[in-house]
Protein backbone atom coordinates (compact mmCIF):
# COMPACT_ATOMS: atom_id res chain seq x y z
CA UNK A 1 9.74 4.70 -37.63
CA UNK A 2 6.39 3.38 -36.58
CA UNK A 3 8.15 0.40 -35.15
CA UNK A 4 10.88 2.32 -33.42
CA UNK A 5 8.03 4.67 -31.79
CA UNK A 6 5.82 1.56 -30.93
CA UNK A 7 8.84 -0.44 -29.37
CA UNK A 8 10.12 2.73 -27.43
CA UNK A 9 6.74 3.30 -26.08
CA UNK A 10 5.53 -0.14 -25.20
CA UNK A 11 9.32 -1.44 -24.40
CA UNK A 12 9.45 1.02 -21.61
CA UNK A 13 6.17 -0.47 -20.09
CA UNK A 14 7.36 -3.98 -20.76
CA UNK A 15 10.82 -3.38 -18.96
CA UNK A 16 9.05 -1.76 -15.96
CA UNK A 17 6.31 -4.48 -15.66
CA UNK A 18 9.22 -6.95 -15.62
CA UNK A 19 11.38 -5.33 -13.03
CA UNK A 20 8.02 -4.83 -10.87
CA UNK A 21 6.99 -8.55 -11.29
CA UNK A 22 10.47 -9.60 -10.12
CA UNK A 23 10.38 -7.10 -7.18
CA UNK A 24 7.03 -8.44 -6.22
CA UNK A 25 8.17 -11.98 -6.54
CA UNK A 26 11.16 -11.56 -4.21
CA UNK A 27 8.81 -9.52 -1.76
CA UNK A 28 6.51 -12.52 -1.59
CA UNK A 29 9.11 -15.00 -1.25
CA UNK A 30 10.46 -12.98 1.74
CA UNK A 31 7.02 -12.35 3.26
CA UNK A 32 5.85 -16.11 2.79
CA UNK A 33 9.31 -17.73 4.00
CA UNK A 34 7.89 -18.85 7.13
CA UNK A 35 4.16 -19.33 6.33
CA UNK A 36 1.83 -20.09 7.90
CA UNK A 37 3.51 -18.62 11.10
CA UNK A 38 0.29 -17.17 13.02
CA UNK A 39 2.10 -13.98 13.19
CA UNK A 40 2.60 -10.88 11.21
CA UNK A 41 5.71 -8.82 11.46
CA UNK A 42 4.80 -5.41 13.02
CA UNK A 43 7.57 -3.39 11.26
CA UNK A 44 10.19 -3.85 8.77
CA UNK A 45 13.69 -4.24 9.83
CA UNK A 46 16.23 -1.29 8.57
CA UNK A 47 17.46 -2.43 5.42
CA UNK A 48 15.15 -5.49 5.05
CA UNK A 49 13.89 -5.63 1.47
CA UNK A 50 16.13 -2.90 -0.16
CA UNK A 51 17.01 -5.02 -3.11
CA UNK A 52 13.36 -5.44 -3.76
CA UNK A 53 12.69 -1.77 -3.28
CA UNK A 54 15.46 -1.15 -5.60
CA UNK A 55 13.84 -3.50 -8.33
CA UNK A 56 10.49 -1.49 -7.78
CA UNK A 57 12.38 2.07 -8.28
CA UNK A 58 14.01 1.05 -11.17
CA UNK A 59 10.46 -0.08 -12.73
CA UNK A 60 9.24 3.39 -11.78
CA UNK A 61 12.21 4.72 -13.87
CA UNK A 62 11.03 3.09 -16.84
CA UNK A 63 7.39 3.84 -16.19
CA UNK A 64 6.53 6.29 -13.28
CA UNK A 65 2.83 5.22 -13.48
CA UNK A 66 3.35 1.48 -12.92
CA UNK A 67 0.62 0.55 -10.73
CA UNK A 68 2.44 -2.81 -9.31
CA UNK A 69 5.56 -0.78 -8.51
CA UNK A 70 3.95 2.12 -6.88
CA UNK A 71 1.66 0.11 -4.82
CA UNK A 72 4.49 -2.43 -3.59
CA UNK A 73 6.65 0.60 -2.53
CA UNK A 74 3.72 2.20 -0.84
CA UNK A 75 3.13 -1.33 0.94
CA UNK A 76 6.97 -1.42 2.06
CA UNK A 77 6.77 2.20 3.30
CA UNK A 78 3.64 1.34 5.27
CA UNK A 79 5.54 -1.63 6.84
CA UNK A 80 8.19 0.77 7.90
CA UNK A 81 5.30 3.11 9.51
CA UNK A 82 6.56 5.78 7.03
CA UNK A 83 2.94 6.74 6.07
CA UNK A 84 4.35 10.15 4.52
CA UNK A 85 6.57 8.14 2.28
CA UNK A 86 3.68 5.72 1.30
CA UNK A 87 1.12 8.31 0.14
CA UNK A 88 2.54 9.41 -2.99
CA UNK A 89 3.09 5.93 -4.09
CA UNK A 90 -0.26 4.71 -3.04
CA UNK A 91 -1.87 7.74 -4.57
CA UNK A 92 -0.39 7.16 -7.97
CA UNK A 93 -1.21 3.67 -7.88
CA UNK A 94 -4.91 4.73 -7.19
CA UNK A 95 -4.76 7.35 -10.16
CA UNK A 96 -3.83 4.38 -12.35
CA UNK A 97 -6.28 1.75 -11.24
CA UNK A 98 -8.98 3.39 -8.79
CA UNK A 99 -10.68 0.03 -8.65
CA UNK A 100 -7.96 -2.05 -7.49
CA UNK A 101 -8.99 -3.24 -3.83
CA UNK A 102 -5.65 -3.68 -2.59
CA UNK A 103 -4.58 -0.25 -3.46
CA UNK A 104 -8.21 1.39 -2.05
CA UNK A 105 -7.79 -0.49 1.23
CA UNK A 106 -3.95 0.34 1.68
CA UNK A 107 -4.60 3.92 0.60
CA UNK A 108 -7.72 4.13 2.72
CA UNK A 109 -5.41 2.89 5.84
CA UNK A 110 -2.38 5.27 5.08
CA UNK A 111 -4.88 8.41 5.06
CA UNK A 112 -6.25 7.13 8.26
CA UNK A 113 -2.92 6.87 10.16
CA UNK A 114 -2.26 10.25 8.71
CA UNK A 115 -5.50 11.75 10.33
CA UNK A 116 -6.89 12.57 7.00
CA UNK A 117 -10.37 11.07 7.88
CA UNK A 118 -12.55 12.73 5.21
CA UNK A 119 -10.44 11.32 2.55
CA UNK A 120 -9.83 7.94 4.06
CA UNK A 121 -13.52 7.49 4.65
CA UNK A 122 -14.25 7.93 0.99
CA UNK A 123 -12.04 4.84 0.16
CA UNK A 124 -12.79 2.62 3.16
CA UNK A 125 -16.62 2.86 2.52
CA UNK A 126 -15.98 0.94 -0.34
CA UNK A 127 -14.10 -1.98 1.52
CA UNK A 128 -17.01 -4.23 3.21
CA UNK A 129 -14.63 -5.08 6.23
CA UNK A 130 -13.42 -1.75 7.34
CA UNK A 131 -15.30 -1.60 10.63
CA UNK A 132 -13.99 -5.10 11.70
CA UNK A 133 -10.32 -4.25 10.69
CA UNK A 134 -10.09 -0.77 12.49
CA UNK A 135 -11.60 -2.24 15.46
CA UNK A 136 -8.80 -4.95 15.63
CA UNK A 137 -6.24 -2.04 14.59
CA UNK A 138 -7.50 -0.03 17.66
CA UNK A 139 -6.10 -3.14 19.99
CA UNK A 140 -3.37 -4.17 17.79
CA UNK A 141 -1.33 -0.46 17.74
CA UNK A 142 -0.85 0.25 21.55
CA UNK A 143 1.16 -2.98 22.42
CA UNK A 144 3.53 -1.95 19.47
CA UNK A 145 3.97 1.66 21.17
CA UNK A 146 1.47 3.48 18.60
CA UNK A 147 -1.53 4.51 20.73
CA UNK A 148 -1.84 7.49 18.33
CA UNK A 149 -2.64 5.11 15.42
CA UNK A 150 -5.13 3.22 17.72
CA UNK A 151 -6.94 6.49 18.51
CA UNK A 152 -7.00 6.90 14.53
CA UNK A 153 -8.53 3.60 14.01
CA UNK A 154 -10.93 4.15 16.57
CA UNK A 155 -12.05 7.67 15.17
CA UNK A 156 -12.07 6.38 11.72
CA UNK A 157 -14.28 3.29 12.98
CA UNK A 158 -16.67 5.81 14.55
CA UNK A 159 -16.94 7.91 11.62
CA UNK A 160 -17.90 4.97 9.29
CA UNK A 161 -20.06 3.31 11.80
CA UNK A 162 -22.08 6.51 12.76
CA UNK A 163 -22.82 7.44 9.20
CA UNK A 164 -26.51 7.40 8.09
CA UNK A 165 -26.57 4.38 5.77
CA UNK A 166 -29.09 4.40 2.89
């Protein structure tokens, strides 16, 4: 009986992690196909990485708290500029691993793009390059038709740089 319970609990996690790893590997293969190209895609095309997203969603069906699957589904939503959809995935990934630098950073940016500066600031203060990247984003977003996000990047940078540092 103990073996069945043990296998049932850990078996789900093993299957979930295997699916998450497969989805992550497929994502990396697509993202790095023309590396180094000296460019970064502004936005995923409709339908791009649907197979990978499906693998990650299947991983979550086996283990809803799989950090890797949640993080990568959040990243895919961020690359679609669907920050509302990214937020629950990145939030769950943060709940599982609040010390993971990639999760902290992407959740902080997601919250910034949603205009939730106080929450974003609490995360981005932990990332050393936050000011430089926010400044870069302030210039990066306007040519892509998102002056609203450029303004949010500037606002977040101002909040972080105008704080009194001990």
